[in-house]
Amino acid sequence: MRKGFLTLFFALTGPFWLQGQCDGCPPIVGEMVDFCYQEIEIKNRCVQFTEDSEMFHYQRNEGKKQIQLKLPLPGKLATPSSTYLLSLVPDKKPNLFAIDLLLIEHAIDQWRQLEAIRLWDLTIVNSGFSVTASGLAYKPMVIGKGKIPEKGKKVNVHYTGYLESGKKFDSSLDKKHTYQFAVGLGQVIKGWDEGLSIMTVGSRYLLRIPPALGYGAAGAGGAIPPNATLYFDIQFISSE
């Protein structure tokens, strides 16, 4: 991800948001970490993505010994293949084990999904959705370890909204503060009420909301045309 996007981390307690570095991982000297990936099941390892869209950083702690590698990303937004992953372990580098390659594979797939939104690559953006009976399409990009909010509970989220063209029409990140509302009480569009009712705290979902669950034939404020299908990248920060 490029500078300006919210930095997302997976820590031992699940996903959460910070600025600058991973939990337990040293910062990358001289570079801005835009996206950092860790997993609860795979200890003492992290994958950090910086503004360099061709390389990423892999770190593994072994007691007092620390391995740090700068490795090439696969081709632009490509899915990591077995051939690519095996190419990361030439003889002259410290051994990367199967578990290291698994973590790298998961991290690159996550980075690929988030980059696809930024670049608005519709082939990737529109892949992997599940669709509810109402027509709401949702794609978990991060599954949080918190609880699903009960009806009426206040939630804090960060969001960015896009039209089908990829044009951004609104974002809480640009406003520098989260958005708060009570779930299930009609304070937001139907697609948001339904979407947040299936998300756990700490999750990040991409929602594709049809007009009937959005602003319908009326549109909204000139920014959203009539009968618009909307995409929302929603990050569920907390629930009260």
Protein backbone atom coordinates (compact mmCIF):
# COMPACT_ATOMS: atom_id res chain seq x y z
CA MET A 1 0.00 0.00 0.00
CA ARG A 2 1.12 3.56 -0.57
CA LYS A 3 1.53 6.23 2.12
CA GLY A 4 -1.82 7.67 3.15
CA PHE A 5 -3.59 4.34 3.64
CA LEU A 6 -4.22 3.16 7.18
CA THR A 7 -1.54 0.76 8.35
CA LEU A 8 -2.97 -2.58 9.36
CA PHE A 9 -1.33 -5.06 11.69
CA PHE A 10 -1.99 -8.56 12.98
CA ALA A 11 -0.79 -8.83 16.57
CA LEU A 12 -1.03 -11.61 19.10
CA THR A 13 -4.47 -10.40 20.17
CA GLY A 14 -5.74 -10.14 16.58
CA PRO A 15 -5.79 -7.34 14.00
CA PHE A 16 -5.53 -3.75 15.18
CA TRP A 17 -4.43 -0.38 13.86
CA LEU A 18 -1.22 1.48 14.67
CA GLN A 19 1.13 3.88 12.99
CA GLY A 20 4.64 3.02 11.92
CA GLN A 21 5.61 -0.53 12.84
CA CYS A 22 4.54 -4.08 13.62
CA ASP A 23 4.00 -5.35 17.11
CA GLY A 24 7.29 -6.97 18.13
CA CYS A 25 8.98 -6.29 14.79
CA PRO A 26 11.68 -3.65 14.31
CA PRO A 27 10.81 -0.82 11.93
CA ILE A 28 12.29 -0.76 8.46
CA VAL A 29 14.98 1.91 8.66
CA GLY A 30 14.39 4.82 6.32
CA GLU A 31 11.09 3.52 4.94
CA MET A 32 7.40 3.91 5.75
CA VAL A 33 5.68 0.61 6.56
CA ASP A 34 2.31 0.75 4.84
CA PHE A 35 1.12 -2.77 5.58
CA CYS A 36 2.41 -5.32 8.07
CA TYR A 37 1.21 -8.92 8.34
CA GLN A 38 1.52 -11.40 11.20
CA GLU A 39 -0.47 -14.48 12.24
CA ILE A 40 -1.26 -15.76 15.70
CA GLU A 41 -0.45 -19.35 14.71
CA ILE A 42 2.98 -18.52 13.25
CA LYS A 43 5.14 -17.03 15.98
CA ASN A 44 8.02 -14.55 15.78
CA ARG A 45 7.64 -13.76 12.10
CA CYS A 46 6.30 -10.78 10.17
CA VAL A 47 6.01 -9.53 6.62
CA GLN A 48 6.25 -5.78 6.01
CA PHE A 49 5.31 -3.94 2.84
CA THR A 50 6.70 -0.46 2.23
CA GLU A 51 6.30 2.14 -0.51
CA ASP A 52 8.56 0.05 -2.74
CA SER A 53 5.98 -1.82 -4.82
CA GLU A 54 8.57 -4.30 -6.12
CA MET A 55 10.03 -5.57 -2.82
CA PHE A 56 8.89 -6.55 0.67
CA HIS A 57 10.61 -7.30 3.98
CA TYR A 58 10.53 -10.61 5.86
CA GLN A 59 11.70 -10.89 9.45
CA ARG A 60 12.10 -13.95 11.66
CA ASN A 61 13.25 -13.94 15.28
CA GLU A 62 15.20 -16.95 16.57
CA GLY A 63 15.99 -16.13 20.19
CA LYS A 64 18.72 -13.50 20.08
CA LYS A 65 19.22 -14.06 16.36
CA GLN A 66 17.16 -12.12 13.88
CA ILE A 67 16.87 -12.81 10.17
CA GLN A 68 15.86 -9.92 7.93
CA LEU A 69 15.40 -10.36 4.20
CA LYS A 70 14.33 -8.01 1.44
CA LEU A 71 12.57 -10.10 -1.17
CA PRO A 72 10.97 -9.43 -4.58
CA LEU A 73 7.20 -9.37 -4.95
CA PRO A 74 5.62 -11.45 -7.71
CA GLY A 75 4.53 -9.65 -10.86
CA LYS A 76 2.07 -6.80 -10.45
CA LEU A 77 -0.80 -8.05 -8.28
CA ALA A 78 0.01 -11.65 -9.20
CA THR A 79 -1.03 -14.54 -6.99
CA PRO A 80 2.07 -16.10 -5.41
CA SER A 81 2.77 -19.41 -7.20
CA SER A 82 4.77 -22.41 -5.98
CA THR A 83 7.52 -21.54 -8.44
CA TYR A 84 7.69 -17.98 -7.13
CA LEU A 85 7.74 -19.06 -3.48
CA LEU A 86 10.50 -21.61 -4.07
CA SER A 87 12.52 -18.92 -5.85
CA LEU A 88 12.75 -17.07 -2.52
CA VAL A 89 15.09 -19.68 -1.05
CA PRO A 90 18.37 -19.56 -3.02
CA ASP A 91 21.43 -21.19 -1.43
CA LYS A 92 23.09 -17.98 -0.33
CA LYS A 93 20.18 -16.82 1.83
CA PRO A 94 19.17 -18.11 5.29
CA ASN A 95 16.85 -21.07 5.04
CA LEU A 96 13.20 -20.25 4.61
CA PHE A 97 11.11 -23.16 5.78
CA ALA A 98 7.67 -24.26 4.60
CA ILE A 99 6.04 -22.30 7.43
CA ASP A 100 7.90 -19.15 6.33
CA LEU A 101 6.69 -19.58 2.76
CA LEU A 102 3.14 -20.15 3.98
CA LEU A 103 3.16 -16.89 5.92
CA ILE A 104 4.66 -15.04 2.94
CA GLU A 105 2.00 -16.51 0.66
CA HIS A 106 -0.81 -15.36 2.98
CA ALA A 107 0.74 -11.90 3.36
CA ILE A 108 1.14 -11.34 -0.37
CA ASP A 109 -2.42 -12.47 -1.04
CA GLN A 110 -3.67 -9.93 1.54
CA TRP A 111 -1.45 -7.19 0.11
CA ARG A 112 -2.76 -8.06 -3.37
CA GLN A 113 -6.39 -7.60 -2.27
CA LEU A 114 -5.68 -4.22 -0.67
CA GLU A 115 -3.57 -2.99 -3.60
CA ALA A 116 -6.35 -4.03 -6.00
CA ILE A 117 -8.71 -1.64 -4.22
CA ARG A 118 -6.20 1.19 -4.35
CA LEU A 119 -5.52 0.58 -8.06
CA TRP A 120 -9.15 -0.37 -8.69
CA ASP A 121 -8.38 -3.61 -10.51
CA LEU A 122 -11.95 -4.83 -10.98
CA THR A 123 -10.90 -8.39 -11.83
CA ILE A 124 -9.58 -8.77 -8.28
CA VAL A 125 -11.96 -6.34 -6.58
CA ASN A 126 -15.01 -8.26 -7.83
CA SER A 127 -13.62 -11.70 -7.00
CA GLY A 128 -14.31 -13.73 -3.88
CA PHE A 129 -17.61 -12.17 -2.78
CA SER A 130 -20.32 -14.02 -0.88
CA VAL A 131 -23.87 -12.76 -1.46
CA THR A 132 -26.69 -12.67 1.09
CA ALA A 133 -30.40 -13.14 0.34
CA SER A 134 -30.86 -9.37 0.26
CA GLY A 135 -28.23 -8.93 -2.45
CA LEU A 136 -25.45 -7.59 -0.22
CA ALA A 137 -22.06 -8.88 -1.37
CA TYR A 138 -19.27 -9.11 1.21
CA LYS A 139 -15.63 -10.17 1.13
CA PRO A 140 -13.64 -10.57 4.35
CA MET A 141 -10.11 -9.25 3.86
CA VAL A 142 -9.34 -9.52 7.57
CA ILE A 143 -11.36 -11.52 10.10
CA GLY A 144 -11.12 -9.98 13.54
CA LYS A 145 -11.00 -11.82 16.84
CA GLY A 146 -13.69 -9.68 18.51
CA LYS A 147 -17.44 -10.20 18.74
CA ILE A 148 -20.27 -9.46 16.33
CA PRO A 149 -22.10 -6.37 17.63
CA GLU A 150 -25.59 -6.74 19.04
CA LYS A 151 -28.42 -4.65 17.60
CA GLY A 152 -28.27 -1.13 19.00
CA LYS A 153 -24.59 -1.30 19.94
CA LYS A 154 -22.43 1.66 18.91
CA VAL A 155 -19.58 0.81 16.56
CA ASN A 156 -16.53 2.76 15.42
CA VAL A 157 -15.37 2.18 11.86
CA HIS A 158 -13.06 3.56 9.25
CA TYR A 159 -14.45 3.44 5.73
CA THR A 160 -13.78 4.45 2.16
CA GLY A 161 -16.58 4.48 -0.40
CA TYR A 162 -16.20 3.95 -4.14
CA LEU A 163 -18.45 4.07 -7.18
CA GLU A 164 -18.30 1.25 -9.75
CA SER A 165 -15.91 3.40 -11.76
CA GLY A 166 -13.46 3.32 -8.88
CA LYS A 167 -14.05 6.97 -8.01
CA LYS A 168 -13.75 7.58 -4.28
CA PHE A 169 -16.67 9.64 -3.01
CA ASP A 170 -16.06 9.64 0.74
CA SER A 171 -13.58 8.40 3.35
CA SER A 172 -13.24 8.69 7.11
CA LEU A 173 -9.48 8.33 6.67
CA ASP A 174 -9.38 11.64 4.84
CA LYS A 175 -11.28 13.21 7.75
CA LYS A 176 -8.77 11.80 10.28
CA HIS A 177 -11.41 10.29 12.56
CA THR A 178 -13.61 7.21 12.76
CA TYR A 179 -17.33 7.13 12.09
CA GLN A 180 -19.69 6.02 14.87
CA PHE A 181 -23.27 4.74 14.68
CA ALA A 182 -25.61 2.24 16.35
CA VAL A 183 -26.04 -1.01 14.42
CA GLY A 184 -29.46 -2.11 13.20
CA LEU A 185 -31.38 1.07 14.00
CA GLY A 186 -31.55 2.56 10.51
CA GLN A 187 -28.99 5.29 11.21
CA VAL A 188 -27.07 4.26 8.09
CA ILE A 189 -27.97 2.68 4.75
CA LYS A 190 -29.33 -0.88 4.84
CA GLY A 191 -26.16 -2.34 3.34
CA TRP A 192 -24.10 -0.97 6.21
CA ASP A 193 -26.53 -2.20 8.87
CA GLU A 194 -26.49 -5.68 7.38
CA GLY A 195 -22.75 -5.68 6.71
CA LEU A 196 -21.74 -4.63 10.22
CA SER A 197 -24.14 -7.18 11.71
CA ILE A 198 -21.97 -10.01 10.31
CA MET A 199 -18.54 -8.46 11.01
CA THR A 200 -16.51 -9.10 14.15
CA VAL A 201 -14.51 -6.35 15.87
CA GLY A 202 -11.10 -6.07 14.20
CA SER A 203 -12.42 -7.19 10.81
CA ARG A 204 -11.94 -5.50 7.49
CA TYR A 205 -14.52 -6.24 4.79
CA LEU A 206 -15.18 -5.03 1.29
CA LEU A 207 -18.93 -4.58 0.80
CA ARG A 208 -20.63 -4.31 -2.59
CA ILE A 209 -24.00 -2.69 -1.96
CA PRO A 210 -26.75 -2.72 -4.62
CA PRO A 211 -28.94 0.38 -5.04
CA ALA A 212 -31.81 -1.13 -3.05
CA LEU A 213 -29.55 -1.38 0.02
CA GLY A 214 -27.88 1.96 -0.66
CA TYR A 215 -29.31 5.26 -1.85
CA GLY A 216 -31.71 3.86 -4.48
CA ALA A 217 -33.14 5.92 -7.30
CA ALA A 218 -32.58 9.19 -5.45
CA GLY A 219 -28.80 8.99 -5.13
CA ALA A 220 -27.17 11.22 -2.55
CA GLY A 221 -25.81 14.73 -2.48
CA GLY A 222 -24.62 14.81 -6.06
CA ALA A 223 -21.67 12.54 -5.19
CA ILE A 224 -23.70 9.34 -5.57
CA PRO A 225 -25.77 9.08 -8.76
CA PRO A 226 -29.20 7.42 -8.94
CA ASN A 227 -29.28 3.61 -8.84
CA ALA A 228 -25.60 3.37 -8.00
CA THR A 229 -23.91 0.17 -6.86
CA LEU A 230 -21.48 1.14 -4.10
CA TYR A 231 -18.30 -0.41 -2.74
CA PHE A 232 -17.21 0.21 0.85
CA ASP A 233 -13.90 -0.80 2.36
CA ILE A 234 -14.88 -0.97 6.04
CA GLN A 235 -12.51 -1.47 8.96
CA PHE A 236 -14.33 -2.36 12.19
CA ILE A 237 -12.28 -0.65 14.90
CA SER A 238 -14.33 -1.12 18.09
CA SER A 239 -17.77 -1.59 19.62
CA GLU A 240 -19.21 0.03 22.75
